[in-house]
Amino acid sequence: MEKPALVLARPLPVAAAHILRDSYTLLEIDPSDPASLAEALSRAEAFIPNGQRIDEALLSGAPNLRIVSDISVGYDNFELTAMAARGVLGTHTPSVLDDSVADTILGLMLACARRISELDRYVKAGRWTGREDSALFGVEMSRKTLGIIGMGRIGQAVARRCRLGFSMEILYHNRRPVPDVDATYMALPDLLAASDFVLVMTPLTPETRGMIGLSEFRQMKPTAIFINASRGPVVREEELIQALREKRIYGAGLDVYDREPVEPGNPLLQFPNVVTTPHIGSATRETRDAMAMRAAENLLAFARGEMPPDVVPELRQKAQ
């Protein structure tokens, strides 16, 4: 019996690829070659994408496709209505990257508060004379207030680190209060006004797209540090730039952007008080291998005729 075709738009770790070979014929393609991708998808029953939008245009050229297994916790590249209409399941990889992303967020918070990136450049440029003192001051993290917008698993992992490691007070805003979290629920304007650090950790949805803009930055303390490690379009980037120019906030730590990769002329790259990393929240070998294995396990469950454990909620409801 011929095995179903699984198109890989990204290389898999050896262990993840190994467990898939008994159930699928693996078709590794160059995703930068549209013709190669289209030809492979025309035969595919399963697909591991590399950022491709799973929309009607792609699905119409993949008539046999039954499952898309994303190696990501976010799935804003899924056009859910089109996938549901064609009976295509979509899975993601939650939970396995929570600690890695939370650690990255702590790094951004510390780098912004203590000006680590800026002062690293200062030393390497030979500008350190030993006489500067207050010119090199940053701000404390300990015993400050952290406001988290989006109290999911990663938000809760950050909250634990900040509460236990830095004795911070934790506030949060969510679509609805979260049970059993050691944090104070607040309306968004109250959270913005009270927080020394504001962290955005919402998924990208029609409701959250552009939810943080100049109005929100003007509600923050001028000493506040803004962190975004969720999705770039949650923030109106031009208005963040305006807030930084107007010194509405102390600084920002960004792992995500409106357009990725960031264009070299983006004004965000010119601010010494903005720490920029290239969307590396989960970028450790251990975590990326675990994410790939989770994606493979979703595909194996599907091959066995089972509902994969990590079908995204919107498509799980349609499939049941």
C-alpha atoms as a PDB file:
ATOM      1  CA  MET A   1       0.000   0.000   0.000  1.00  0.00           C
ATOM      2  CA  GLU A   2       1.401   3.358  -1.044  1.00  0.00           C
ATOM      3  CA  LYS A   3       2.137   5.674   1.850  1.00  0.00           C
ATOM      4  CA  PRO A   4       0.559   9.163   1.855  1.00  0.00           C
ATOM      5  CA  ALA A   5       2.815  12.017   0.763  1.00  0.00           C
ATOM      6  CA  LEU A   6       4.033  14.452   3.428  1.00  0.00           C
ATOM      7  CA  VAL A   7       5.495  17.686   2.046  1.00  0.00           C
ATOM      8  CA  LEU A   8       8.249  19.247   4.168  1.00  0.00           C
ATOM      9  CA  ALA A   9       8.798  22.947   3.543  1.00  0.00           C
ATOM     10  CA  ARG A  10      11.460  22.955   6.261  1.00  0.00           C
ATOM     11  CA  PRO A  11      14.088  20.391   7.269  1.00  0.00           C
ATOM     12  CA  LEU A  12      13.227  18.180  10.232  1.00  0.00           C
ATOM     13  CA  PRO A  13      15.612  16.935  12.925  1.00  0.00           C
ATOM     14  CA  VAL A  14      16.712  13.361  12.262  1.00  0.00           C
ATOM     15  CA  ALA A  15      14.660  11.887  15.098  1.00  0.00           C
ATOM     16  CA  ALA A  16      11.406  13.533  13.975  1.00  0.00           C
ATOM     17  CA  ALA A  17      11.932  12.540  10.338  1.00  0.00           C
ATOM     18  CA  HIS A  18      12.769   8.978  11.386  1.00  0.00           C
ATOM     19  CA  ILE A  19       9.478   8.322  13.181  1.00  0.00           C
ATOM     20  CA  LEU A  20       7.487   9.614  10.195  1.00  0.00           C
ATOM     21  CA  ARG A  21       9.035   7.422   7.492  1.00  0.00           C
ATOM     22  CA  ASP A  22       6.982   4.329   8.258  1.00  0.00           C
ATOM     23  CA  SER A  23       3.718   6.225   7.821  1.00  0.00           C
ATOM     24  CA  TYR A  24       4.511   8.807   5.118  1.00  0.00           C
ATOM     25  CA  THR A  25       6.548   9.325   1.986  1.00  0.00           C
ATOM     26  CA  LEU A  26       8.576  12.420   2.823  1.00  0.00           C
ATOM     27  CA  LEU A  27       8.855  15.026   0.056  1.00  0.00           C
ATOM     28  CA  GLU A  28      11.495  17.593   1.017  1.00  0.00           C
ATOM     29  CA  ILE A  29      11.213  20.684  -1.163  1.00  0.00           C
ATOM     30  CA  ASP A  30      12.816  24.091  -1.483  1.00  0.00           C
ATOM     31  CA  PRO A  31      10.094  26.488  -0.264  1.00  0.00           C
ATOM     32  CA  SER A  32      11.696  29.367  -2.172  1.00  0.00           C
ATOM     33  CA  ASP A  33      10.810  27.564  -5.442  1.00  0.00           C
ATOM     34  CA  PRO A  34       7.061  28.130  -5.970  1.00  0.00           C
ATOM     35  CA  ALA A  35       6.851  25.588  -8.794  1.00  0.00           C
ATOM     36  CA  SER A  36       8.439  22.849  -6.674  1.00  0.00           C
ATOM     37  CA  LEU A  37       6.119  23.620  -3.769  1.00  0.00           C
ATOM     38  CA  ALA A  38       3.018  23.665  -5.980  1.00  0.00           C
ATOM     39  CA  GLU A  39       3.916  20.358  -7.649  1.00  0.00           C
ATOM     40  CA  ALA A  40       4.542  18.647  -4.310  1.00  0.00           C
ATOM     41  CA  LEU A  41       1.356  20.004  -2.742  1.00  0.00           C
ATOM     42  CA  SER A  42      -0.693  18.733  -5.673  1.00  0.00           C
ATOM     43  CA  ARG A  43       0.169  15.214  -4.406  1.00  0.00           C
ATOM     44  CA  ALA A  44       0.262  15.873  -0.679  1.00  0.00           C
ATOM     45  CA  GLU A  45      -2.020  14.514   2.003  1.00  0.00           C
ATOM     46  CA  ALA A  46       0.006  16.146   4.784  1.00  0.00           C
ATOM     47  CA  PHE A  47       2.114  19.297   4.980  1.00  0.00           C
ATOM     48  CA  ILE A  48       4.636  20.799   7.394  1.00  0.00           C
ATOM     49  CA  PRO A  49       4.837  24.451   6.326  1.00  0.00           C
ATOM     50  CA  ASN A  50       7.532  27.036   6.876  1.00  0.00           C
ATOM     51  CA  GLY A  51       5.421  30.146   7.343  1.00  0.00           C
ATOM     52  CA  GLN A  52       3.240  29.616   4.258  1.00  0.00           C
ATOM     53  CA  ARG A  53      -0.326  30.874   4.538  1.00  0.00           C
ATOM     54  CA  ILE A  54      -2.753  27.985   4.435  1.00  0.00           C
ATOM     55  CA  ASP A  55      -5.399  29.842   2.485  1.00  0.00           C
ATOM     56  CA  GLU A  56      -7.777  29.146  -0.371  1.00  0.00           C
ATOM     57  CA  ALA A  57      -5.080  29.804  -2.973  1.00  0.00           C
ATOM     58  CA  LEU A  58      -2.826  27.107  -1.496  1.00  0.00           C
ATOM     59  CA  LEU A  59      -5.652  24.681  -0.706  1.00  0.00           C
ATOM     60  CA  SER A  60      -7.127  24.852  -4.201  1.00  0.00           C
ATOM     61  CA  GLY A  61      -3.843  23.456  -5.525  1.00  0.00           C
ATOM     62  CA  ALA A  62      -3.724  20.702  -2.911  1.00  0.00           C
ATOM     63  CA  PRO A  63      -6.896  18.667  -3.486  1.00  0.00           C
ATOM     64  CA  ASN A  64      -5.717  15.677  -1.419  1.00  0.00           C
ATOM     65  CA  LEU A  65      -4.463  17.649   1.572  1.00  0.00           C
ATOM     66  CA  ARG A  66      -5.971  16.484   4.858  1.00  0.00           C
ATOM     67  CA  ILE A  67      -3.683  17.834   7.592  1.00  0.00           C
ATOM     68  CA  VAL A  68      -1.241  20.718   8.113  1.00  0.00           C
ATOM     69  CA  SER A  69       1.136  20.304  11.050  1.00  0.00           C
ATOM     70  CA  ASP A  70       2.705  23.633  11.992  1.00  0.00           C
ATOM     71  CA  ILE A  71       5.901  23.781  14.063  1.00  0.00           C
ATOM     72  CA  SER A  72       4.748  26.826  15.993  1.00  0.00           C
ATOM     73  CA  VAL A  73       2.468  27.746  18.852  1.00  0.00           C
ATOM     74  CA  GLY A  74       0.877  30.594  16.888  1.00  0.00           C
ATOM     75  CA  TYR A  75      -1.249  29.698  13.879  1.00  0.00           C
ATOM     76  CA  ASP A  76      -2.218  33.043  12.381  1.00  0.00           C
ATOM     77  CA  ASN A  77      -1.018  31.645   9.024  1.00  0.00           C
ATOM     78  CA  PHE A  78      -4.064  29.314   9.053  1.00  0.00           C
ATOM     79  CA  GLU A  79      -7.069  30.656   7.139  1.00  0.00           C
ATOM     80  CA  LEU A  80      -9.440  28.724   9.358  1.00  0.00           C
ATOM     81  CA  THR A  81     -12.612  29.223   7.328  1.00  0.00           C
ATOM     82  CA  ALA A  82     -11.007  27.898   4.149  1.00  0.00           C
ATOM     83  CA  MET A  83      -9.456  24.941   5.974  1.00  0.00           C
ATOM     84  CA  ALA A  84     -12.729  24.021   7.662  1.00  0.00           C
ATOM     85  CA  ALA A  85     -14.629  24.238   4.375  1.00  0.00           C
ATOM     86  CA  ARG A  86     -12.233  21.726   2.795  1.00  0.00           C
ATOM     87  CA  GLY A  87     -12.030  19.464   5.841  1.00  0.00           C
ATOM     88  CA  VAL A  88      -8.323  20.128   6.412  1.00  0.00           C
ATOM     89  CA  LEU A  89      -7.093  19.766   9.990  1.00  0.00           C
ATOM     90  CA  GLY A  90      -4.473  22.146  11.367  1.00  0.00           C
ATOM     91  CA  THR A  91      -2.223  21.357  14.316  1.00  0.00           C
ATOM     92  CA  HIS A  92       0.345  23.393  16.221  1.00  0.00           C
ATOM     93  CA  THR A  93       2.914  22.786  18.971  1.00  0.00           C
ATOM     94  CA  PRO A  94       1.794  24.380  22.246  1.00  0.00           C
ATOM     95  CA  SER A  95       3.421  23.979  25.662  1.00  0.00           C
ATOM     96  CA  VAL A  96       6.839  22.669  24.582  1.00  0.00           C
ATOM     97  CA  LEU A  97       8.217  26.167  23.970  1.00  0.00           C
ATOM     98  CA  ASP A  98       6.757  27.937  27.015  1.00  0.00           C
ATOM     99  CA  ASP A  99       9.927  27.971  29.109  1.00  0.00           C
ATOM    100  CA  SER A 100      12.189  28.919  26.224  1.00  0.00           C
ATOM    101  CA  VAL A 101      10.042  31.904  25.237  1.00  0.00           C
ATOM    102  CA  ALA A 102       9.615  32.964  28.867  1.00  0.00           C
ATOM    103  CA  ASP A 103      13.409  32.961  29.283  1.00  0.00           C
ATOM    104  CA  THR A 104      13.784  35.126  26.172  1.00  0.00           C
ATOM    105  CA  ILE A 105      11.259  37.607  27.566  1.00  0.00           C
ATOM    106  CA  LEU A 106      13.196  37.851  30.833  1.00  0.00           C
ATOM    107  CA  GLY A 107      16.317  38.537  28.784  1.00  0.00           C
ATOM    108  CA  LEU A 108      14.582  41.355  26.911  1.00  0.00           C
ATOM    109  CA  MET A 109      13.301  42.864  30.155  1.00  0.00           C
ATOM    110  CA  LEU A 110      16.756  42.845  31.746  1.00  0.00           C
ATOM    111  CA  ALA A 111      18.472  44.080  28.590  1.00  0.00           C
ATOM    112  CA  CYS A 112      16.105  47.048  28.388  1.00  0.00           C
ATOM    113  CA  ALA A 113      16.129  47.868  32.094  1.00  0.00           C
ATOM    114  CA  ARG A 114      19.902  47.747  32.473  1.00  0.00           C
ATOM    115  CA  ARG A 115      20.677  48.987  28.928  1.00  0.00           C
ATOM    116  CA  ILE A 116      22.801  45.911  28.291  1.00  0.00           C
ATOM    117  CA  SER A 117      22.832  46.045  24.473  1.00  0.00           C
ATOM    118  CA  GLU A 118      23.439  49.790  24.431  1.00  0.00           C
ATOM    119  CA  LEU A 119      26.260  49.631  26.982  1.00  0.00           C
ATOM    120  CA  ASP A 120      27.839  46.619  25.280  1.00  0.00           C
ATOM    121  CA  ARG A 121      28.204  48.786  22.174  1.00  0.00           C
ATOM    122  CA  TYR A 122      29.462  51.639  24.370  1.00  0.00           C
ATOM    123  CA  VAL A 123      32.318  49.540  25.761  1.00  0.00           C
ATOM    124  CA  LYS A 124      33.230  47.996  22.412  1.00  0.00           C
ATOM    125  CA  ALA A 125      33.385  51.462  20.816  1.00  0.00           C
ATOM    126  CA  GLY A 126      36.078  52.437  23.340  1.00  0.00           C
ATOM    127  CA  ARG A 127      33.914  55.113  24.958  1.00  0.00           C
ATOM    128  CA  TRP A 128      34.175  53.842  28.557  1.00  0.00           C
ATOM    129  CA  THR A 129      36.413  56.221  30.527  1.00  0.00           C
ATOM    130  CA  GLY A 130      35.552  55.159  34.084  1.00  0.00           C
ATOM    131  CA  ARG A 131      34.244  58.618  34.958  1.00  0.00           C
ATOM    132  CA  GLU A 132      30.647  58.345  33.670  1.00  0.00           C
ATOM    133  CA  ASP A 133      28.766  56.935  36.692  1.00  0.00           C
ATOM    134  CA  SER A 134      25.177  58.220  36.385  1.00  0.00           C
ATOM    135  CA  ALA A 135      25.387  58.324  32.578  1.00  0.00           C
ATOM    136  CA  LEU A 136      25.355  54.531  32.656  1.00  0.00           C
ATOM    137  CA  PHE A 137      22.410  54.108  35.031  1.00  0.00           C
ATOM    138  CA  GLY A 138      19.541  51.820  34.158  1.00  0.00           C
ATOM    139  CA  VAL A 139      16.410  50.990  36.129  1.00  0.00           C
ATOM    140  CA  GLU A 140      15.661  48.250  38.639  1.00  0.00           C
ATOM    141  CA  MET A 141      13.555  45.186  37.846  1.00  0.00           C
ATOM    142  CA  SER A 142      13.221  43.927  41.383  1.00  0.00           C
ATOM    143  CA  ARG A 143      10.053  44.865  43.269  1.00  0.00           C
ATOM    144  CA  LYS A 144       8.539  46.576  40.232  1.00  0.00           C
ATOM    145  CA  THR A 145       5.138  45.944  38.621  1.00  0.00           C
ATOM    146  CA  LEU A 146       4.716  43.787  35.534  1.00  0.00           C
ATOM    147  CA  GLY A 147       1.543  44.037  33.468  1.00  0.00           C
ATOM    148  CA  ILE A 148       0.894  41.077  31.157  1.00  0.00           C
ATOM    149  CA  ILE A 149      -1.572  41.419  28.293  1.00  0.00           C
ATOM    150  CA  GLY A 150      -2.550  37.845  27.432  1.00  0.00           C
ATOM    151  CA  MET A 151      -2.222  35.470  30.386  1.00  0.00           C
ATOM    152  CA  GLY A 152      -1.778  32.159  28.577  1.00  0.00           C
ATOM    153  CA  ARG A 153       0.822  29.517  29.346  1.00  0.00           C
ATOM    154  CA  ILE A 154       3.790  31.706  28.387  1.00  0.00           C
ATOM    155  CA  GLY A 155       2.421  34.705  30.262  1.00  0.00           C
ATOM    156  CA  GLN A 156       2.028  32.540  33.340  1.00  0.00           C
ATOM    157  CA  ALA A 157       5.589  31.209  32.955  1.00  0.00           C
ATOM    158  CA  VAL A 158       6.893  34.796  32.824  1.00  0.00           C
ATOM    159  CA  ALA A 159       4.759  35.747  35.827  1.00  0.00           C
ATOM    160  CA  ARG A 160       6.240  32.908  37.910  1.00  0.00           C
ATOM    161  CA  ARG A 161       9.796  33.934  37.064  1.00  0.00           C
ATOM    162  CA  CYS A 162       9.178  37.591  37.818  1.00  0.00           C
ATOM    163  CA  ARG A 163       7.236  36.998  41.029  1.00  0.00           C
ATOM    164  CA  LEU A 164       9.648  34.454  42.496  1.00  0.00           C
ATOM    165  CA  GLY A 165      12.922  35.737  41.060  1.00  0.00           C
ATOM    166  CA  PHE A 166      12.367  39.502  41.188  1.00  0.00           C
ATOM    167  CA  SER A 167       9.619  39.949  43.811  1.00  0.00           C
ATOM    168  CA  MET A 168       7.504  41.738  41.218  1.00  0.00           C
ATOM    169  CA  GLU A 169       3.820  42.511  41.530  1.00  0.00           C
ATOM    170  CA  ILE A 170       1.956  40.877  38.614  1.00  0.00           C
ATOM    171  CA  LEU A 171      -1.059  42.417  36.909  1.00  0.00           C
ATOM    172  CA  TYR A 172      -2.765  40.963  33.863  1.00  0.00           C
ATOM    173  CA  HIS A 173      -5.440  41.650  31.288  1.00  0.00           C
ATOM    174  CA  ASN A 174      -7.134  38.858  29.361  1.00  0.00           C
ATOM    175  CA  ARG A 175     -10.362  38.263  27.484  1.00  0.00           C
ATOM    176  CA  ARG A 176     -11.610  36.884  30.783  1.00  0.00           C
ATOM    177  CA  PRO A 177     -10.062  36.314  34.212  1.00  0.00           C
ATOM    178  CA  VAL A 178      -7.863  33.208  34.484  1.00  0.00           C
ATOM    179  CA  PRO A 179      -8.519  30.938  37.480  1.00  0.00           C
ATOM    180  CA  ASP A 180      -5.748  29.946  39.873  1.00  0.00           C
ATOM    181  CA  VAL A 181      -3.118  32.494  38.858  1.00  0.00           C
ATOM    182  CA  ASP A 182      -1.235  34.501  41.456  1.00  0.00           C
ATOM    183  CA  ALA A 183      -1.834  37.822  39.741  1.00  0.00           C
ATOM    184  CA  THR A 184      -4.352  40.658  39.742  1.00  0.00           C
ATOM    185  CA  TYR A 185      -6.811  40.997  36.879  1.00  0.00           C
ATOM    186  CA  MET A 186      -7.252  44.570  35.605  1.00  0.00           C
ATOM    187  CA  ALA A 187      -8.944  46.453  32.813  1.00  0.00           C
ATOM    188  CA  LEU A 188      -6.401  47.377  30.151  1.00  0.00           C
ATOM    189  CA  PRO A 189      -6.239  51.144  30.878  1.00  0.00           C
ATOM    190  CA  ASP A 190      -5.658  50.488  34.583  1.00  0.00           C
ATOM    191  CA  LEU A 191      -2.932  47.936  33.836  1.00  0.00           C
ATOM    192  CA  LEU A 192      -1.150  50.309  31.469  1.00  0.00           C
ATOM    193  CA  ALA A 193      -1.164  53.136  34.011  1.00  0.00           C
ATOM    194  CA  ALA A 194       0.089  50.970  36.889  1.00  0.00           C
ATOM    195  CA  SER A 195       2.827  48.876  35.227  1.00  0.00           C
ATOM    196  CA  ASP A 196       6.575  49.463  35.106  1.00  0.00           C
ATOM    197  CA  PHE A 197       6.921  46.729  32.476  1.00  0.00           C
ATOM    198  CA  VAL A 198       4.178  45.972  29.933  1.00  0.00           C
ATOM    199  CA  LEU A 199       4.373  42.608  28.169  1.00  0.00           C
ATOM    200  CA  VAL A 200       2.162  41.709  25.200  1.00  0.00           C
ATOM    201  CA  MET A 201       1.603  37.959  24.839  1.00  0.00           C
ATOM    202  CA  THR A 202      -1.696  37.727  22.943  1.00  0.00           C
ATOM    203  CA  PRO A 203      -2.238  35.586  19.853  1.00  0.00           C
ATOM    204  CA  LEU A 204      -2.786  37.484  16.611  1.00  0.00           C
ATOM    205  CA  THR A 205      -6.511  37.530  15.859  1.00  0.00           C
ATOM    206  CA  PRO A 206      -8.818  40.076  14.205  1.00  0.00           C
ATOM    207  CA  GLU A 207      -9.554  41.375  17.708  1.00  0.00           C
ATOM    208  CA  THR A 208      -5.918  41.773  18.793  1.00  0.00           C
ATOM    209  CA  ARG A 209      -4.473  43.116  15.522  1.00  0.00           C
ATOM    210  CA  GLY A 210      -3.338  46.680  16.209  1.00  0.00           C
ATOM    211  CA  MET A 211      -4.606  46.619  19.807  1.00  0.00           C
ATOM    212  CA  ILE A 212      -1.564  48.550  21.112  1.00  0.00           C
ATOM    213  CA  GLY A 213      -1.012  51.988  19.640  1.00  0.00           C
ATOM    214  CA  LEU A 214      -0.257  55.585  20.559  1.00  0.00           C
ATOM    215  CA  SER A 215      -3.293  55.880  22.819  1.00  0.00           C
ATOM    216  CA  GLU A 216      -2.074  52.911  24.865  1.00  0.00           C
ATOM    217  CA  PHE A 217       1.530  54.151  24.981  1.00  0.00           C
ATOM    218  CA  ARG A 218       0.303  57.519  26.256  1.00  0.00           C
ATOM    219  CA  GLN A 219      -1.426  55.720  29.127  1.00  0.00           C
ATOM    220  CA  MET A 220       1.840  54.116  30.251  1.00  0.00           C
ATOM    221  CA  LYS A 221       4.326  55.644  32.651  1.00  0.00           C
ATOM    222  CA  PRO A 222       7.154  57.565  30.944  1.00  0.00           C
ATOM    223  CA  THR A 223       9.465  55.179  32.829  1.00  0.00           C
ATOM    224  CA  ALA A 224       7.687  52.066  31.482  1.00  0.00           C
ATOM    225  CA  ILE A 225       9.411  49.407  29.388  1.00  0.00           C
ATOM    226  CA  PHE A 226       7.338  47.767  26.641  1.00  0.00           C
ATOM    227  CA  ILE A 227       7.990  44.159  25.573  1.00  0.00           C
ATOM    228  CA  ASN A 228       6.436  42.377  22.577  1.00  0.00           C
ATOM    229  CA  ALA A 229       7.178  38.666  22.079  1.00  0.00           C
ATOM    230  CA  SER A 230       3.813  37.636  20.617  1.00  0.00           C
ATOM    231  CA  ARG A 231       3.192  38.818  17.051  1.00  0.00           C
ATOM    232  CA  GLY A 232       4.326  42.074  15.446  1.00  0.00           C
ATOM    233  CA  PRO A 233       0.950  43.215  14.069  1.00  0.00           C
ATOM    234  CA  VAL A 234      -0.568  43.252  17.576  1.00  0.00           C
ATOM    235  CA  VAL A 235       1.249  46.612  17.830  1.00  0.00           C
ATOM    236  CA  ARG A 236       0.770  49.552  15.485  1.00  0.00           C
ATOM    237  CA  GLU A 237       4.457  49.860  14.739  1.00  0.00           C
ATOM    238  CA  GLU A 238       4.434  53.417  13.382  1.00  0.00           C
ATOM    239  CA  GLU A 239       2.740  54.540  16.585  1.00  0.00           C
ATOM    240  CA  LEU A 240       5.313  52.733  18.712  1.00  0.00           C
ATOM    241  CA  ILE A 241       7.987  54.640  16.791  1.00  0.00           C
ATOM    242  CA  GLN A 242       6.131  57.899  17.467  1.00  0.00           C
ATOM    243  CA  ALA A 243       5.845  57.059  21.184  1.00  0.00           C
ATOM    244  CA  LEU A 244       9.596  56.414  21.353  1.00  0.00           C
ATOM    245  CA  ARG A 245      10.366  59.685  19.544  1.00  0.00           C
ATOM    246  CA  GLU A 246       8.123  61.548  21.966  1.00  0.00           C
ATOM    247  CA  LYS A 247       9.771  59.724  24.915  1.00  0.00           C
ATOM    248  CA  ARG A 248       6.399  58.446  26.053  1.00  0.00           C
ATOM    249  CA  ILE A 249       8.097  55.297  27.366  1.00  0.00           C
ATOM    250  CA  TYR A 250      11.567  54.455  28.668  1.00  0.00           C
ATOM    251  CA  GLY A 251      12.308  51.784  26.083  1.00  0.00           C
ATOM    252  CA  ALA A 252      11.164  48.645  24.297  1.00  0.00           C
ATOM    253  CA  GLY A 253      12.270  45.058  23.822  1.00  0.00           C
ATOM    254  CA  LEU A 254      11.046  43.462  20.593  1.00  0.00           C
ATOM    255  CA  ASP A 255      11.328  39.923  19.282  1.00  0.00           C
ATOM    256  CA  VAL A 256       8.576  40.355  16.671  1.00  0.00           C
ATOM    257  CA  TYR A 257       7.770  42.999  14.076  1.00  0.00           C
ATOM    258  CA  ASP A 258       5.122  44.112  11.647  1.00  0.00           C
ATOM    259  CA  ARG A 259       7.235  42.817   8.750  1.00  0.00           C
ATOM    260  CA  GLU A 260       9.817  40.088   9.163  1.00  0.00           C
ATOM    261  CA  PRO A 261      12.711  40.072   8.573  1.00  0.00           C
ATOM    262  CA  VAL A 262      12.970  43.700   9.674  1.00  0.00           C
ATOM    263  CA  GLU A 263      13.957  46.044   6.872  1.00  0.00           C
ATOM    264  CA  PRO A 264      17.343  47.739   7.450  1.00  0.00           C
ATOM    265  CA  GLY A 265      15.763  51.191   7.240  1.00  0.00           C
ATOM    266  CA  ASN A 266      13.181  50.533   9.941  1.00  0.00           C
ATOM    267  CA  PRO A 267      13.409  53.457  12.424  1.00  0.00           C
ATOM    268  CA  LEU A 268      13.135  51.033  15.345  1.00  0.00           C
ATOM    269  CA  LEU A 269      16.720  49.999  14.640  1.00  0.00           C
ATOM    270  CA  GLN A 270      17.986  53.536  15.292  1.00  0.00           C
ATOM    271  CA  PHE A 271      16.832  53.873  18.909  1.00  0.00           C
ATOM    272  CA  PRO A 272      19.524  53.044  21.491  1.00  0.00           C
ATOM    273  CA  ASN A 273      16.779  52.237  24.027  1.00  0.00           C
ATOM    274  CA  VAL A 274      15.147  49.571  21.825  1.00  0.00           C
ATOM    275  CA  VAL A 275      16.480  46.007  22.060  1.00  0.00           C
ATOM    276  CA  THR A 276      15.764  44.005  18.908  1.00  0.00           C
ATOM    277  CA  THR A 277      16.074  40.240  18.465  1.00  0.00           C
ATOM    278  CA  PRO A 278      15.202  38.259  15.302  1.00  0.00           C
ATOM    279  CA  HIS A 279      12.078  36.337  16.441  1.00  0.00           C
ATOM    280  CA  ILE A 280      14.138  33.887  18.485  1.00  0.00           C
ATOM    281  CA  GLY A 281      11.784  33.286  21.405  1.00  0.00           C
ATOM    282  CA  SER A 282      11.935  29.506  21.027  1.00  0.00           C
ATOM    283  CA  ALA A 283      15.344  29.321  19.341  1.00  0.00           C
ATOM    284  CA  THR A 284      17.221  26.718  21.313  1.00  0.00           C
ATOM    285  CA  ARG A 285      18.169  23.325  19.925  1.00  0.00           C
ATOM    286  CA  GLU A 286      16.308  21.532  22.713  1.00  0.00           C
ATOM    287  CA  THR A 287      13.068  23.429  22.167  1.00  0.00           C
ATOM    288  CA  ARG A 288      13.098  23.374  18.366  1.00  0.00           C
ATOM    289  CA  ASP A 289      13.738  19.605  18.383  1.00  0.00           C
ATOM    290  CA  ALA A 290      10.866  19.132  20.851  1.00  0.00           C
ATOM    291  CA  MET A 291       8.554  21.250  18.672  1.00  0.00           C
ATOM    292  CA  ALA A 292       9.418  19.206  15.574  1.00  0.00           C
ATOM    293  CA  MET A 293       8.793  15.976  17.481  1.00  0.00           C
ATOM    294  CA  ARG A 294       5.420  17.279  18.658  1.00  0.00           C
ATOM    295  CA  ALA A 295       4.504  18.132  15.052  1.00  0.00           C
ATOM    296  CA  ALA A 296       5.536  14.626  13.983  1.00  0.00           C
ATOM    297  CA  GLU A 297       3.454  13.044  16.752  1.00  0.00           C
ATOM    298  CA  ASN A 298       0.397  14.955  15.543  1.00  0.00           C
ATOM    299  CA  LEU A 299       0.931  13.528  12.068  1.00  0.00           C
ATOM    300  CA  LEU A 300       1.395   9.994  13.393  1.00  0.00           C
ATOM    301  CA  ALA A 301      -1.872  10.208  15.329  1.00  0.00           C
ATOM    302  CA  PHE A 302      -3.636  11.296  12.151  1.00  0.00           C
ATOM    303  CA  ALA A 303      -2.073   8.418  10.194  1.00  0.00           C
ATOM    304  CA  ARG A 304      -3.476   6.013  12.793  1.00  0.00           C
ATOM    305  CA  GLY A 305      -6.962   7.409  12.255  1.00  0.00           C
ATOM    306  CA  GLU A 306      -6.962   9.293  15.573  1.00  0.00           C
ATOM    307  CA  MET A 307      -7.708  12.936  16.294  1.00  0.00           C
ATOM    308  CA  PRO A 308      -4.264  14.565  16.721  1.00  0.00           C
ATOM    309  CA  PRO A 309      -3.784  15.968  20.235  1.00  0.00           C
ATOM    310  CA  ASP A 310      -2.920  19.484  19.094  1.00  0.00           C
ATOM    311  CA  VAL A 311      -5.609  20.341  16.536  1.00  0.00           C
ATOM    312  CA  VAL A 312      -6.221  24.082  16.885  1.00  0.00           C
ATOM    313  CA  PRO A 313      -9.448  24.719  18.820  1.00  0.00           C
ATOM    314  CA  GLU A 314     -11.387  26.298  15.977  1.00  0.00           C
ATOM    315  CA  LEU A 315     -10.832  23.302  13.677  1.00  0.00           C
ATOM    316  CA  ARG A 316     -11.250  20.693  16.415  1.00  0.00           C
ATOM    317  CA  GLN A 317     -14.800  21.936  16.972  1.00  0.00           C
ATOM    318  CA  LYS A 318     -15.538  21.584  13.236  1.00  0.00           C
ATOM    319  CA  ALA A 319     -14.059  18.075  13.098  1.00  0.00           C
ATOM    320  CA  GLN A 320     -15.986  16.657  16.053  1.00  0.00           C
END
